[in-house]
Amino acid sequence: MMLNLVAKYFDATIAKGADVKSAANWIMGDIAAYMKNEKLTIDEIKVTPQILFKLLVKGGTVKGLIEEKDLVQASYSNKLLT
């Protein structure tokens, strides 16, 4: 079931126009680590496929994520990227 949710999240991110490799790297890297550390599922995190797409368009940087502060709390982005 969890893999289905992650697959749907990935597909939704790609459907927005995100690069497949970049989206996969973020989802399986930083996002997966955050979910594990915080004991959250993919549908409980605040980074939606739309937010991840916007982040990837901005180059996948910390600055890009912080620029999304209206959608993601700064404290969350700090946890996500540490």
C-alpha atoms as a PDB file:
ATOM      1  CA  MET A   1       0.000   0.000   0.000  1.00  0.00           C
ATOM      2  CA  MET A   2       2.766   2.450   0.907  1.00  0.00           C
ATOM      3  CA  LEU A   3       4.459   1.826  -2.443  1.00  0.00           C
ATOM      4  CA  ASN A   4       1.185   2.616  -4.212  1.00  0.00           C
ATOM      5  CA  LEU A   5       0.994   5.976  -2.419  1.00  0.00           C
ATOM      6  CA  VAL A   6       4.598   6.788  -3.318  1.00  0.00           C
ATOM      7  CA  ALA A   7       3.977   5.741  -6.926  1.00  0.00           C
ATOM      8  CA  LYS A   8       0.907   7.992  -7.094  1.00  0.00           C
ATOM      9  CA  TYR A   9       2.920  10.878  -5.593  1.00  0.00           C
ATOM     10  CA  PHE A  10       5.694  10.287  -8.149  1.00  0.00           C
ATOM     11  CA  ASP A  11       3.208  10.064 -11.035  1.00  0.00           C
ATOM     12  CA  ALA A  12       1.493  13.269  -9.903  1.00  0.00           C
ATOM     13  CA  THR A  13       4.847  15.054  -9.757  1.00  0.00           C
ATOM     14  CA  ILE A  14       5.761  13.857 -13.257  1.00  0.00           C
ATOM     15  CA  ALA A  15       2.309  14.819 -14.544  1.00  0.00           C
ATOM     16  CA  LYS A  16       3.082  18.410 -13.508  1.00  0.00           C
ATOM     17  CA  GLY A  17       6.073  18.264 -15.863  1.00  0.00           C
ATOM     18  CA  ALA A  18       8.916  17.407 -13.490  1.00  0.00           C
ATOM     19  CA  ASP A  19      12.026  15.654 -14.759  1.00  0.00           C
ATOM     20  CA  VAL A  20      11.686  11.926 -14.039  1.00  0.00           C
ATOM     21  CA  LYS A  21      15.212  11.403 -12.700  1.00  0.00           C
ATOM     22  CA  SER A  22      15.184  14.515 -10.510  1.00  0.00           C
ATOM     23  CA  ALA A  23      11.774  13.681  -9.064  1.00  0.00           C
ATOM     24  CA  ALA A  24      12.821  10.097  -8.332  1.00  0.00           C
ATOM     25  CA  ASN A  25      16.035  11.264  -6.668  1.00  0.00           C
ATOM     26  CA  TRP A  26      14.184  13.700  -4.402  1.00  0.00           C
ATOM     27  CA  ILE A  27      11.405  11.276  -3.517  1.00  0.00           C
ATOM     28  CA  MET A  28      13.733   8.357  -2.795  1.00  0.00           C
ATOM     29  CA  GLY A  29      16.347  10.571  -1.134  1.00  0.00           C
ATOM     30  CA  ASP A  30      15.445  13.623   0.937  1.00  0.00           C
ATOM     31  CA  ILE A  31      11.713  13.021   1.104  1.00  0.00           C
ATOM     32  CA  ALA A  32      12.064   9.329   2.031  1.00  0.00           C
ATOM     33  CA  ALA A  33      14.620  10.200   4.717  1.00  0.00           C
ATOM     34  CA  TYR A  34      12.332  12.868   6.148  1.00  0.00           C
ATOM     35  CA  MET A  35       9.364  10.488   6.189  1.00  0.00           C
ATOM     36  CA  LYS A  36      11.423   7.831   7.947  1.00  0.00           C
ATOM     37  CA  ASN A  37      12.798  10.236  10.563  1.00  0.00           C
ATOM     38  CA  GLU A  38       9.407  11.784  11.278  1.00  0.00           C
ATOM     39  CA  LYS A  39       7.477   8.504  10.944  1.00  0.00           C
ATOM     40  CA  LEU A  40       5.176   9.979   8.306  1.00  0.00           C
ATOM     41  CA  THR A  41       3.626   8.581   5.175  1.00  0.00           C
ATOM     42  CA  ILE A  42       3.826  10.284   1.805  1.00  0.00           C
ATOM     43  CA  ASP A  43       0.272  11.591   2.177  1.00  0.00           C
ATOM     44  CA  GLU A  44       1.125  13.197   5.542  1.00  0.00           C
ATOM     45  CA  ILE A  45       4.019  15.357   4.364  1.00  0.00           C
ATOM     46  CA  LYS A  46       3.525  18.999   3.438  1.00  0.00           C
ATOM     47  CA  VAL A  47       5.505  18.837   0.199  1.00  0.00           C
ATOM     48  CA  THR A  48       2.816  18.135  -2.368  1.00  0.00           C
ATOM     49  CA  PRO A  49       3.633  16.996  -5.912  1.00  0.00           C
ATOM     50  CA  GLN A  50       2.992  20.605  -7.014  1.00  0.00           C
ATOM     51  CA  ILE A  51       5.504  21.944  -4.494  1.00  0.00           C
ATOM     52  CA  LEU A  52       8.094  19.341  -5.479  1.00  0.00           C
ATOM     53  CA  PHE A  53       7.586  20.228  -9.136  1.00  0.00           C
ATOM     54  CA  LYS A  54       8.122  23.924  -8.386  1.00  0.00           C
ATOM     55  CA  LEU A  55      11.222  23.075  -6.377  1.00  0.00           C
ATOM     56  CA  LEU A  56      12.649  21.012  -9.222  1.00  0.00           C
ATOM     57  CA  VAL A  57      11.935  23.800 -11.712  1.00  0.00           C
ATOM     58  CA  LYS A  58      13.928  26.146  -9.465  1.00  0.00           C
ATOM     59  CA  GLY A  59      16.891  23.795  -9.559  1.00  0.00           C
ATOM     60  CA  GLY A  60      16.178  21.584  -6.557  1.00  0.00           C
ATOM     61  CA  THR A  61      18.044  23.824  -4.165  1.00  0.00           C
ATOM     62  CA  VAL A  62      17.491  24.814  -0.559  1.00  0.00           C
ATOM     63  CA  LYS A  63      16.829  28.332  -1.841  1.00  0.00           C
ATOM     64  CA  GLY A  64      14.133  26.972  -4.125  1.00  0.00           C
ATOM     65  CA  LEU A  65      12.428  25.210  -1.250  1.00  0.00           C
ATOM     66  CA  ILE A  66      12.633  28.256   1.019  1.00  0.00           C
ATOM     67  CA  GLU A  67      11.073  30.355  -1.759  1.00  0.00           C
ATOM     68  CA  GLU A  68       8.028  28.116  -1.390  1.00  0.00           C
ATOM     69  CA  LYS A  69       7.645  29.286   2.239  1.00  0.00           C
ATOM     70  CA  ASP A  70       3.997  30.186   1.660  1.00  0.00           C
ATOM     71  CA  LEU A  71       3.377  26.497   1.025  1.00  0.00           C
ATOM     72  CA  VAL A  72       5.999  24.871   3.257  1.00  0.00           C
ATOM     73  CA  GLN A  73       6.945  26.077   6.723  1.00  0.00           C
ATOM     74  CA  ALA A  74      10.603  27.050   7.074  1.00  0.00           C
ATOM     75  CA  SER A  75      11.074  24.638   9.950  1.00  0.00           C
ATOM     76  CA  TYR A  76       9.789  21.821   7.772  1.00  0.00           C
ATOM     77  CA  SER A  77      12.197  22.665   4.956  1.00  0.00           C
ATOM     78  CA  ASN A  78      15.084  22.683   7.415  1.00  0.00           C
ATOM     79  CA  LYS A  79      14.154  19.185   8.583  1.00  0.00           C
ATOM     80  CA  LEU A  80      13.658  17.967   5.031  1.00  0.00           C
ATOM     81  CA  LEU A  81      17.102  18.996   3.902  1.00  0.00           C
ATOM     82  CA  THR A  82      19.227  18.117   6.931  1.00  0.00           C
END
